[in-house]
Protein backbone atom coordinates (compact mmCIF):
# COMPACT_ATOMS: atom_id res chain seq x y z
CA MET A 1 -48.88 -23.64 -8.79
CA ASP A 2 -45.56 -21.90 -8.14
CA GLN A 3 -45.03 -18.94 -10.40
CA ILE A 4 -42.23 -16.69 -11.57
CA LEU A 5 -43.06 -13.01 -11.56
CA CYS A 6 -41.06 -10.93 -14.00
CA GLY A 7 -41.72 -7.19 -13.77
CA GLN A 8 -41.39 -4.70 -16.59
CA LYS A 9 -41.49 -1.32 -14.94
CA LYS A 10 -41.69 0.74 -18.11
CA LYS A 11 -45.07 -0.67 -19.10
CA GLU A 12 -46.14 -1.15 -15.46
CA ARG A 13 -47.31 -4.69 -15.95
CA ASN A 14 -46.23 -8.13 -14.76
CA LEU A 15 -45.50 -11.16 -16.87
CA VAL A 16 -46.71 -14.32 -15.15
CA VAL A 17 -45.27 -17.62 -16.34
CA SER A 18 -45.67 -21.05 -14.74
CA PHE A 19 -42.71 -23.37 -14.14
CA PRO A 20 -43.69 -25.80 -16.96
CA ASN A 21 -43.01 -22.90 -19.36
CA TYR A 22 -39.65 -22.09 -17.72
CA VAL A 23 -37.69 -22.00 -21.00
CA SER A 24 -40.16 -19.55 -22.52
CA CYS A 25 -40.07 -17.40 -19.37
CA ARG A 26 -36.28 -17.46 -19.37
CA ARG A 27 -36.11 -16.08 -22.91
CA LYS A 28 -38.66 -13.36 -22.19
CA LEU A 29 -36.89 -12.34 -18.98
CA LEU A 30 -33.55 -12.06 -20.76
CA SER A 31 -35.19 -9.89 -23.41
CA GLN A 32 -36.71 -7.66 -20.73
CA LEU A 33 -33.36 -7.33 -18.94
CA ARG A 34 -31.56 -6.26 -22.12
CA SER A 35 -34.27 -3.72 -22.82
CA GLY A 36 -34.14 -2.55 -19.22
CA VAL A 37 -30.42 -1.89 -19.35
CA GLU A 38 -30.68 0.09 -22.58
CA ILE A 39 -33.49 2.20 -21.12
CA ALA A 40 -31.56 2.69 -17.87
CA ILE A 41 -28.41 3.82 -19.65
CA LYS A 42 -30.26 6.43 -21.68
CA LYS A 43 -31.64 8.05 -18.51
CA THR A 44 -28.39 9.29 -16.98
CA ASN A 45 -28.53 12.91 -18.13
CA GLY A 46 -29.80 15.81 -16.04
CA LEU A 47 -26.75 16.07 -13.73
CA TYR A 48 -25.66 19.56 -12.68
CA ASP A 49 -22.44 19.02 -10.74
CA VAL A 50 -20.57 16.20 -9.03
CA SER A 51 -22.52 16.54 -5.78
CA GLU A 52 -25.30 14.80 -7.68
CA ILE A 53 -22.83 12.09 -8.67
CA ALA A 54 -22.07 11.51 -5.00
CA ARG A 55 -25.73 11.60 -3.98
CA THR A 56 -26.66 8.95 -6.56
CA ARG A 57 -23.76 6.70 -5.48
CA LEU A 58 -21.94 6.94 -8.80
CA CYS A 59 -18.76 8.47 -7.34
CA THR A 60 -15.60 6.40 -7.85
CA SER A 61 -13.69 8.50 -5.30
CA CYS A 62 -10.98 9.20 -7.89
CA GLY A 63 -10.56 12.90 -6.93
CA THR A 64 -10.37 14.19 -10.52
CA CYS A 65 -13.18 16.72 -10.13
CA ALA A 66 -11.46 18.41 -7.19
CA ALA A 67 -8.19 18.63 -9.13
CA PHE A 68 -9.69 20.29 -12.22
CA CYS A 69 -12.29 22.58 -10.66
CA PRO A 70 -11.19 26.10 -11.78
CA SER A 71 -13.00 27.73 -8.85
CA GLU A 72 -11.58 25.33 -6.25
CA ALA A 73 -15.17 24.78 -5.16
CA ILE A 74 -14.80 21.03 -4.58
CA ILE A 75 -13.29 19.21 -1.63
CA MET A 76 -13.22 15.47 -0.94
CA LYS A 77 -15.05 14.53 2.25
CA ASN A 78 -15.64 11.19 3.92
CA ASP A 79 -19.00 9.52 3.29
CA THR A 80 -19.52 7.43 6.41
CA PHE A 81 -22.19 5.25 4.78
CA GLU A 82 -20.28 4.47 1.58
CA GLY A 83 -16.94 4.32 3.34
CA ILE A 84 -15.17 6.39 0.66
CA LEU A 85 -14.23 10.01 0.00
CA VAL A 86 -16.76 11.85 -2.16
CA PRO A 87 -16.87 15.41 -3.56
CA GLU A 88 -18.62 18.23 -1.73
CA VAL A 89 -19.36 21.36 -3.78
CA ASP A 90 -19.29 24.84 -2.26
CA SER A 91 -22.20 26.49 -4.06
CA ALA A 92 -20.88 29.95 -3.21
CA LYS A 93 -17.70 29.28 -5.22
CA CYS A 94 -19.16 27.11 -7.99
CA ASN A 95 -19.73 28.94 -11.30
CA SER A 96 -21.50 25.98 -12.99
CA CYS A 97 -18.81 25.63 -15.65
CA GLY A 98 -19.39 21.88 -15.88
CA VAL A 99 -15.72 20.88 -15.96
CA CYS A 100 -16.19 18.52 -13.01
CA LEU A 101 -18.82 16.52 -14.88
CA LYS A 102 -16.81 16.44 -18.10
CA VAL A 103 -13.85 14.75 -16.38
CA CYS A 104 -15.91 12.53 -14.05
CA PRO A 105 -15.81 8.79 -14.86
CA GLY A 106 -18.63 7.96 -12.46
CA ALA A 107 -21.64 8.91 -14.57
CA GLU A 108 -20.32 8.17 -18.05
CA VAL A 109 -17.40 6.50 -19.79
CA ASN A 110 -17.32 5.02 -23.27
CA ILE A 111 -14.58 2.41 -23.34
CA LYS A 112 -15.27 1.54 -26.97
CA GLU A 113 -14.82 5.15 -28.06
CA PHE A 114 -11.56 5.48 -26.12
CA ASN A 115 -10.23 2.19 -27.48
CA HIS A 116 -10.67 3.54 -30.99
CA ALA A 117 -9.18 6.94 -30.12
CA LEU A 118 -6.14 5.52 -28.32
CA PHE A 119 -5.37 2.39 -30.32
CA GLY A 120 -7.16 2.98 -33.63
CA GLN A 121 -9.23 -0.18 -33.37
CA GLN A 122 -11.61 -2.20 -31.25
CA PRO A 123 -10.00 -5.11 -29.39
CA ALA A 124 -10.30 -8.64 -30.68
CA HIS A 125 -11.00 -9.74 -27.11
CA ALA A 126 -13.68 -7.38 -25.78
CA LEU A 127 -13.03 -8.03 -22.08
CA PHE A 128 -9.23 -7.93 -22.20
CA GLY A 129 -8.74 -5.00 -24.56
CA ASN A 130 -6.10 -4.02 -27.11
CA PHE A 131 -2.49 -5.10 -26.61
CA VAL A 132 0.86 -5.32 -28.39
CA GLU A 133 2.56 -8.01 -26.26
CA CYS A 134 2.15 -9.80 -22.93
CA TYR A 135 4.82 -10.91 -20.44
CA TYR A 136 5.44 -12.27 -16.98
CA GLY A 137 8.43 -11.42 -14.84
CA HIS A 138 9.90 -9.31 -12.06
CA SER A 139 12.33 -6.55 -11.21
CA THR A 140 15.99 -7.56 -11.02
CA ASN A 141 16.43 -5.37 -7.94
CA TYR A 142 16.29 -8.35 -5.57
CA ASN A 143 18.02 -7.04 -2.48
CA SER A 144 16.50 -3.59 -2.22
CA LYS A 145 13.63 -2.18 -0.20
CA LEU A 146 11.65 -2.42 -3.44
CA ILE A 147 11.25 -6.22 -3.52
CA ASN A 148 10.47 -6.35 0.22
CA SER A 149 7.62 -3.85 -0.01
CA VAL A 150 5.93 -4.63 -3.33
CA ALA A 151 2.91 -6.90 -3.79
CA SER A 152 4.54 -9.00 -6.52
CA GLY A 153 7.33 -8.50 -9.00
CA GLY A 154 8.02 -4.80 -8.42
CA ILE A 155 7.48 -4.02 -12.11
CA ALA A 156 5.47 -0.79 -11.70
CA THR A 157 8.03 0.88 -9.47
CA GLN A 158 10.97 -0.45 -11.49
CA LEU A 159 9.59 0.85 -14.80
CA LEU A 160 8.92 4.26 -13.25
CA VAL A 161 12.42 4.46 -11.77
CA PHE A 162 13.92 3.44 -15.12
CA ALA A 163 11.82 6.01 -17.03
CA LEU A 164 12.75 8.75 -14.55
CA GLN A 165 16.48 7.98 -14.63
CA ASN A 166 16.48 7.91 -18.44
CA GLY A 167 14.61 11.20 -18.86
CA ALA A 168 11.44 9.68 -20.32
CA ILE A 169 9.43 11.28 -17.50
CA ASP A 170 10.04 14.00 -14.93
CA GLY A 171 7.92 12.37 -12.25
CA ALA A 172 4.91 10.17 -11.63
CA LEU A 173 1.55 10.50 -9.93
CA VAL A 174 1.43 7.55 -7.53
CA THR A 175 -0.41 6.55 -4.36
CA ARG A 176 0.85 6.30 -0.81
CA PHE A 177 -0.63 6.29 2.68
CA CYS A 178 -0.75 9.73 4.29
CA ARG A 179 1.98 10.57 6.74
CA GLU A 180 -0.60 12.01 9.15
CA ASP A 181 -2.99 9.04 8.81
CA CYS A 182 -1.41 5.71 7.82
CA LEU A 183 -4.83 4.29 6.83
CA LYS A 184 -5.72 7.09 4.43
CA PRO A 185 -4.39 6.83 0.84
CA GLU A 186 -3.44 9.91 -1.16
CA GLY A 187 -2.05 10.69 -4.57
CA PHE A 188 1.21 12.63 -4.78
CA LEU A 189 3.70 13.60 -7.44
CA ALA A 190 6.93 11.63 -6.96
CA THR A 191 9.95 13.25 -8.63
CA THR A 192 12.81 11.26 -7.09
CA VAL A 193 13.70 7.58 -6.95
CA GLU A 194 13.27 7.60 -3.18
CA GLU A 195 9.75 9.00 -3.48
CA LEU A 196 8.80 6.40 -6.09
CA VAL A 197 10.06 3.55 -3.92
CA SER A 198 8.19 4.95 -0.90
CA ALA A 199 4.92 4.50 -2.82
CA ALA A 200 5.57 0.83 -3.69
CA GLY A 201 3.01 -1.74 -2.59
CA SER A 202 -0.73 -2.31 -2.97
CA LYS A 203 -3.41 0.01 -1.62
CA TYR A 204 -6.67 -1.87 -1.89
CA CYS A 205 -8.89 0.84 -0.44
CA SER A 206 -10.56 3.56 -2.53
CA SER A 207 -8.13 6.39 -3.19
CA PRO A 208 -8.62 9.95 -4.55
CA THR A 209 -5.28 9.57 -6.35
CA ASN A 210 -6.20 11.94 -9.17
CA PHE A 211 -6.44 14.87 -6.77
CA GLY A 212 -2.66 14.85 -7.18
CA LEU A 213 -3.21 16.05 -10.75
CA LYS A 214 -3.61 19.50 -9.23
CA GLU A 215 0.11 19.57 -8.44
CA LEU A 216 0.99 17.92 -11.76
CA LEU A 217 -0.83 20.67 -13.68
CA ARG A 218 1.32 23.35 -12.02
CA LYS A 219 4.63 21.77 -13.02
CA GLU A 220 6.51 21.76 -16.30
CA GLY A 221 7.52 18.44 -17.81
CA ARG A 222 6.22 15.03 -18.79
CA PHE A 223 4.75 12.69 -16.21
CA ALA A 224 3.43 9.17 -15.70
CA VAL A 225 0.26 8.23 -13.86
CA VAL A 226 -0.34 4.92 -12.05
CA GLY A 227 -3.94 4.10 -11.28
CA LEU A 228 -6.95 1.83 -11.24
CA PRO A 229 -9.39 1.74 -14.17
CA CYS A 230 -11.52 4.56 -12.72
CA HIS A 231 -8.45 6.79 -12.35
CA LEU A 232 -7.40 6.23 -15.94
CA HIS A 233 -10.95 6.60 -17.27
CA ALA A 234 -10.90 10.06 -15.71
CA ILE A 235 -7.45 10.80 -17.17
CA ARG A 236 -8.67 9.94 -20.68
CA LYS A 237 -11.76 12.10 -20.26
CA ALA A 238 -9.61 14.99 -19.00
CA GLN A 239 -7.34 14.62 -22.05
CA GLN A 240 -10.40 15.07 -24.25
CA VAL A 241 -11.32 18.29 -22.46
CA PHE A 242 -7.74 19.57 -22.16
CA PRO A 243 -5.75 18.25 -25.20
CA GLU A 244 -2.46 19.60 -23.79
CA LEU A 245 -2.62 16.82 -21.19
CA ARG A 246 -1.92 14.27 -23.92
CA GLU A 247 1.69 15.46 -23.99
CA LYS A 248 1.99 16.28 -20.30
CA ILE A 249 0.83 12.81 -19.21
CA ALA A 250 3.32 10.80 -21.25
CA LEU A 251 2.68 7.37 -19.76
CA THR A 252 -0.13 5.57 -17.94
CA ILE A 253 0.39 2.37 -15.97
CA GLY A 254 -2.83 0.64 -15.01
CA LEU A 255 -3.50 -2.04 -12.43
CA PHE A 256 -6.05 -4.81 -12.90
CA CYS A 257 -8.89 -4.17 -10.47
CA ALA A 258 -11.62 -6.50 -9.26
CA PHE A 259 -12.81 -4.04 -6.61
CA THR A 260 -11.59 -1.82 -3.81
CA ILE A 261 -12.56 -2.02 -0.16
CA SER A 262 -14.38 0.64 1.87
CA SER A 263 -13.22 2.13 5.16
CA GLN A 264 -15.69 -0.17 6.95
CA GLY A 265 -13.86 -3.09 5.39
CA VAL A 266 -10.52 -1.77 6.62
CA ASP A 267 -11.99 -1.37 10.12
CA THR A 268 -13.25 -4.95 9.94
CA LEU A 269 -9.78 -6.21 9.04
CA LEU A 270 -8.29 -4.24 11.92
CA ALA A 271 -10.91 -5.78 14.23
CA LYS A 272 -9.65 -9.23 13.21
CA MET A 273 -6.25 -8.16 14.57
CA LYS A 274 -7.93 -6.69 17.67
CA LEU A 275 -6.85 -3.17 16.70
CA ASP A 276 -8.58 0.13 16.09
CA ARG A 277 -7.59 3.02 13.86
CA ASP A 278 -6.28 5.24 16.65
CA ASN A 279 -3.74 2.63 17.71
CA VAL A 280 -2.14 1.98 14.30
CA ARG A 281 1.17 3.63 13.36
CA LYS A 282 2.04 1.69 10.18
CA PHE A 283 -0.12 -0.32 7.84
CA ALA A 284 0.28 -2.32 4.63
CA PHE A 285 -2.11 -4.49 2.62
CA ARG A 286 0.70 -6.62 1.14
CA GLY A 287 4.32 -7.33 1.90
CA HIS A 288 6.65 -9.68 3.80
CA GLY A 289 7.07 -12.08 0.89
CA TRP A 290 4.64 -13.45 -1.65
CA PRO A 291 1.66 -13.72 -1.73
CA GLY A 292 2.06 -11.59 1.38
CA TYR A 293 0.38 -10.47 4.58
CA LEU A 294 -1.89 -7.72 5.81
CA TRP A 295 0.37 -6.03 8.32
CA ALA A 296 -0.05 -3.37 11.01
CA GLU A 297 2.22 -1.88 13.66
CA THR A 298 0.79 -0.32 16.82
CA LEU A 299 1.88 2.85 18.57
CA ASN A 300 3.81 0.83 21.15
CA GLY A 301 5.73 -1.08 18.47
CA ASP A 302 3.81 -4.36 18.43
CA SER A 303 3.04 -5.84 15.02
CA CYS A 304 0.17 -8.00 13.78
CA LYS A 305 -0.35 -9.73 10.46
CA ILE A 306 -2.90 -11.88 8.63
CA PRO A 307 -2.02 -13.92 5.52
CA LEU A 308 -3.55 -12.92 2.21
CA MET A 309 -4.33 -16.54 1.38
CA GLY A 310 -4.90 -19.60 3.55
CA LEU A 311 -7.22 -22.45 4.44
CA PHE A 312 -9.37 -20.59 6.98
CA ASN A 313 -7.60 -17.57 8.49
CA ASP A 314 -6.94 -15.33 5.45
CA TYR A 315 -8.10 -11.79 4.78
CA LEU A 316 -8.79 -12.32 1.05
CA SER A 317 -12.13 -13.86 2.10
CA VAL A 318 -13.26 -10.47 3.46
CA PHE A 319 -12.47 -8.83 0.10
CA GLU A 320 -14.15 -11.53 -1.97
CA SER A 321 -17.38 -11.31 0.03
CA TYR A 322 -18.24 -8.00 -1.73
CA LEU A 323 -19.82 -6.94 1.58
CA PHE A 324 -17.42 -3.99 1.78
CA THR A 325 -17.15 -3.18 -1.92
CA PRO A 326 -18.06 0.46 -2.74
CA TRP A 327 -21.32 0.69 -4.69
CA ARG A 328 -19.81 2.21 -7.83
CA CYS A 329 -17.21 -0.58 -7.98
CA MET A 330 -20.11 -3.02 -8.39
CA LEU A 331 -21.10 -1.12 -11.55
CA CYS A 332 -17.65 -1.03 -13.16
CA GLN A 333 -17.09 -3.03 -16.33
CA ASP A 334 -13.33 -2.64 -16.82
CA HIS A 335 -11.42 -5.27 -14.85
CA PHE A 336 -8.38 -5.29 -17.17
CA ASN A 337 -7.77 -1.51 -17.25
CA GLN A 338 -8.14 -1.28 -21.02
CA LEU A 339 -7.16 2.39 -21.43
CA ALA A 340 -3.63 2.21 -19.98
CA ASP A 341 -0.36 2.09 -21.91
CA ILE A 342 0.87 -0.75 -19.68
CA THR A 343 -1.21 -2.91 -17.34
CA LEU A 344 -0.01 -5.04 -14.43
CA ALA A 345 -1.42 -7.81 -12.26
CA ASP A 346 -0.45 -10.61 -9.88
CA ALA A 347 0.38 -13.95 -11.49
CA TRP A 348 -2.37 -16.06 -9.93
CA LEU A 349 -1.66 -19.27 -11.84
CA PRO A 350 -0.53 -22.77 -10.73
CA GLU A 351 2.81 -22.60 -12.55
CA PHE A 352 3.83 -19.56 -10.46
CA LYS A 353 2.78 -20.82 -7.02
CA ARG A 354 6.30 -21.71 -5.93
CA SER A 355 7.68 -18.25 -6.58
CA LYS A 356 9.18 -16.73 -3.44
CA ILE A 357 9.45 -13.13 -4.64
CA GLY A 358 6.24 -12.99 -6.66
CA LEU A 359 5.76 -12.36 -10.34
CA SER A 360 3.85 -9.75 -12.29
CA LEU A 361 1.77 -10.21 -15.43
CA ILE A 362 2.55 -7.34 -17.81
CA THR A 363 0.57 -6.21 -20.85
CA ALA A 364 1.91 -3.59 -23.24
CA ARG A 365 -1.20 -2.04 -24.78
CA SER A 366 0.32 0.87 -26.68
CA GLU A 367 3.47 1.17 -28.78
CA LYS A 368 5.07 3.60 -26.33
CA GLY A 369 4.36 1.17 -23.51
CA GLN A 370 6.01 -1.61 -25.51
CA GLN A 371 9.01 0.59 -26.26
CA LEU A 372 9.55 1.35 -22.56
CA ILE A 373 9.35 -2.34 -21.67
CA GLN A 374 11.83 -3.29 -24.42
CA ARG A 375 14.30 -0.65 -23.22
CA ALA A 376 13.96 -1.89 -19.64
CA ILE A 377 14.63 -5.49 -20.77
CA GLU A 378 17.71 -4.38 -22.74
CA ALA A 379 18.97 -2.45 -19.69
CA LYS A 380 18.45 -5.63 -17.59
CA VAL A 381 16.47 -3.85 -14.89
CA VAL A 382 13.61 -6.31 -15.39
CA THR A 383 13.49 -10.00 -16.25
CA LEU A 384 10.52 -10.72 -18.53
CA ARG A 385 9.32 -13.55 -20.75
CA LYS A 386 6.54 -13.46 -23.32
CA TYR A 387 3.27 -14.99 -22.20
CA PRO A 388 -0.03 -15.73 -24.00
CA PHE A 389 -2.78 -13.25 -23.19
CA GLU A 390 -5.25 -16.15 -22.81
CA ARG A 391 -3.35 -17.28 -19.72
CA ILE A 392 -3.52 -13.77 -18.26
CA VAL A 393 -7.29 -13.76 -18.78
CA ARG A 394 -7.44 -17.20 -17.17
CA SER A 395 -5.55 -15.98 -14.11
CA GLN A 396 -8.19 -13.31 -13.53
CA TRP A 397 -11.27 -15.18 -14.72
CA SER A 398 -13.22 -15.42 -11.44
CA SER A 399 -13.11 -11.66 -10.82
CA ALA A 400 -13.38 -10.75 -14.50
CA LYS A 401 -16.48 -12.90 -14.93
CA PHE A 402 -18.22 -11.14 -12.06
CA LYS A 403 -17.12 -7.66 -13.06
CA SER A 404 -17.40 -7.80 -16.85
CA LYS A 405 -19.61 -10.67 -17.89
CA HIS A 406 -22.26 -10.05 -15.20
CA TRP A 407 -22.05 -6.27 -15.49
CA ALA A 408 -25.24 -5.84 -17.52
CA VAL A 409 -27.19 -7.96 -15.04
CA ARG A 410 -26.18 -5.69 -12.17
CA LEU A 411 -27.02 -2.58 -14.19
CA ALA A 412 -30.55 -3.84 -14.75
CA LEU A 413 -30.91 -4.73 -11.07
CA VAL A 414 -29.64 -1.37 -9.83
CA LYS A 415 -32.08 0.45 -12.10
CA LYS A 416 -34.87 -1.83 -10.84
CA MET A 417 -33.90 -0.80 -7.27
CA GLY A 418 -34.55 2.83 -8.24
CA ASN A 419 -30.92 3.92 -8.47
CA ARG A 420 -29.09 5.76 -11.22
CA VAL A 421 -26.65 3.77 -13.38
CA PRO A 422 -23.56 4.89 -15.32
CA SER A 423 -23.83 5.57 -19.03
CA CYS A 424 -21.68 3.17 -21.06
CA SER A 425 -21.56 1.57 -24.47
CA VAL A 426 -24.28 -1.13 -24.69
CA ALA A 427 -23.30 -2.91 -27.90
CA ASP A 428 -21.85 -5.91 -26.06
CA ILE A 429 -24.64 -6.39 -23.51
CA HIS A 430 -25.32 -10.04 -22.91
CA PHE A 431 -26.58 -12.18 -20.06
CA SER A 432 -25.04 -15.52 -19.23
CA SER A 433 -28.18 -16.82 -17.51
CA VAL A 434 -31.28 -15.83 -15.61
CA GLU A 435 -29.76 -17.64 -12.64
CA SER A 436 -26.89 -15.13 -12.61
CA PHE A 437 -29.55 -12.44 -12.31
CA PHE A 438 -30.65 -13.82 -8.94
CA ILE A 439 -27.08 -14.39 -7.73
CA ASN A 440 -26.18 -10.79 -8.50
CA ALA A 441 -29.42 -9.57 -6.90
CA ALA A 442 -28.34 -11.26 -3.68
CA ARG A 443 -24.86 -9.74 -3.94
CA LEU A 444 -26.22 -6.21 -4.36
CA ARG A 445 -28.70 -6.51 -1.51
CA LEU A 446 -26.09 -7.91 0.85
CA ALA A 447 -23.62 -5.19 -0.16
CA ASN A 448 -26.01 -2.67 1.39
CA LEU A 449 -25.83 -4.34 4.81
CA ARG A 450 -22.90 -2.17 5.89
CA LYS A 451 -25.13 0.93 5.81
CA ASN A 452 -26.91 -0.49 8.87
CA GLN A 453 -24.82 0.02 12.00
CA PHE A 454 -26.09 -3.11 13.72
CA ALA A 455 -25.40 -5.25 10.64
CA LEU A 456 -21.95 -3.65 10.37
CA SER A 457 -21.14 -4.55 13.97
CA VAL A 458 -22.20 -8.15 13.27
CA LEU A 459 -19.98 -8.29 10.17
CA LYS A 460 -17.03 -7.03 12.21
CA ALA A 461 -17.64 -9.76 14.78
CA PHE A 462 -17.71 -12.57 12.21
CA PRO A 463 -14.54 -14.71 12.31
CA LEU A 464 -12.65 -15.05 9.05
CA TRP A 465 -13.82 -18.62 8.47
CA CYS A 466 -17.42 -17.33 8.30
CA TYR A 467 -16.48 -15.13 5.35
CA LYS A 468 -14.81 -18.16 3.80
CA ALA A 469 -18.01 -20.20 4.15
CA TYR A 470 -20.13 -17.33 2.84
CA ASN A 471 -17.92 -17.04 -0.26
CA ALA A 472 -18.05 -20.79 -0.79
CA ILE A 473 -21.84 -20.64 -1.19
CA PHE A 474 -21.59 -18.09 -4.00
CA PHE A 475 -18.66 -19.96 -5.55
CA VAL A 476 -20.76 -23.12 -5.84
CA LEU A 477 -23.74 -21.21 -7.22
CA ASP A 478 -21.52 -19.47 -9.76
CA LYS A 479 -20.07 -22.79 -10.91
CA LEU A 480 -23.55 -24.28 -11.26
CA PHE A 481 -24.96 -21.36 -13.26
């Protein structure tokens, strides 16, 4: 008779249950998984510096450790297997002060604790987070370079420009592609309108944006920071260690984040355009209208582009395959960027499909975020309308379900694979189904394919419709279970 084997590593024994007792087995397996996650989370201590974070694949590539290291013992170096930048510690300079670990979001972050500290309460909707008001809308700057270069709506750049011009901030830590390498993102401190506009647009690859905090710390004034959840997790941890940062970083704008893409994924996308890194002069993940195109310009002036969305030939299918998603992204719980003052996202809903310039979904989480938005509306630099938060959640549900609802399943699986997991609050651990356990197991195993050079070459050779078909299989399975 076919059997289901459910292992419980702690007691080093197997539970054997036959298919006729499937319901009983299902309950016992769910109980074991919950227990396994709680045990796994408790065993994340014993780290000495961030080199151990990188070795155990917990690095988010945010760059915060390198910015705050008082001995300047940390540099960010490329990890060819993970496809991201990770910290490397110079043991001769390191004095074991532990600052790098205290500000690192990779090994530990307690979103519940920060929600209470920042907003004075736990959110009514655990996945979405605290908020004051929600909107949809766009910048009123229609004819500028801003609207032509942004992913949708131009709200992030417009709010920063408005805050800078009105003296609310003296600059902002934002992300751009390096001038020396147009495929390498970097964080920099923008202090002029021109610099802010130059950073407009999406950068979907992992970015050590917070390394730019090093420059921010040297300057006088109040600044904004724009980042992904991992960047803002690190900011909040740094503000705990260095309370003066609470005044210096006056505003945080967070972007919803399903995942980033590794350098292998970027190379795969370039391969679809029959390009290689050495032949690219300009590059953008989004632009040229909404929803936009992946766009590259070669050294001889030729340009190539692939649509974000389409029936067969779109590059979103490569992203959604999770085959090029950095490992730590698979262990992140915070899709909606809960710790920001203002959060932004694309308006992926049927009622907005006909928009030609794109619209942003905006959530004011803190009172100061709400005040800035209200001032911008009164100044008519943005056009916004109130919008129910349930619709915002709906617009992101596919990614949010994988990232947040299935998070505990992946944590249990990663621990079962012998890997370290991040330490997080476990009060809301739940499992939607045992079936989701097996779906996520497949996702995690397949995500490791890119570490094999032969498998990576095969993935690069796959046409885009193959990624579409691959995603369709998991889409059907997810709908069924």
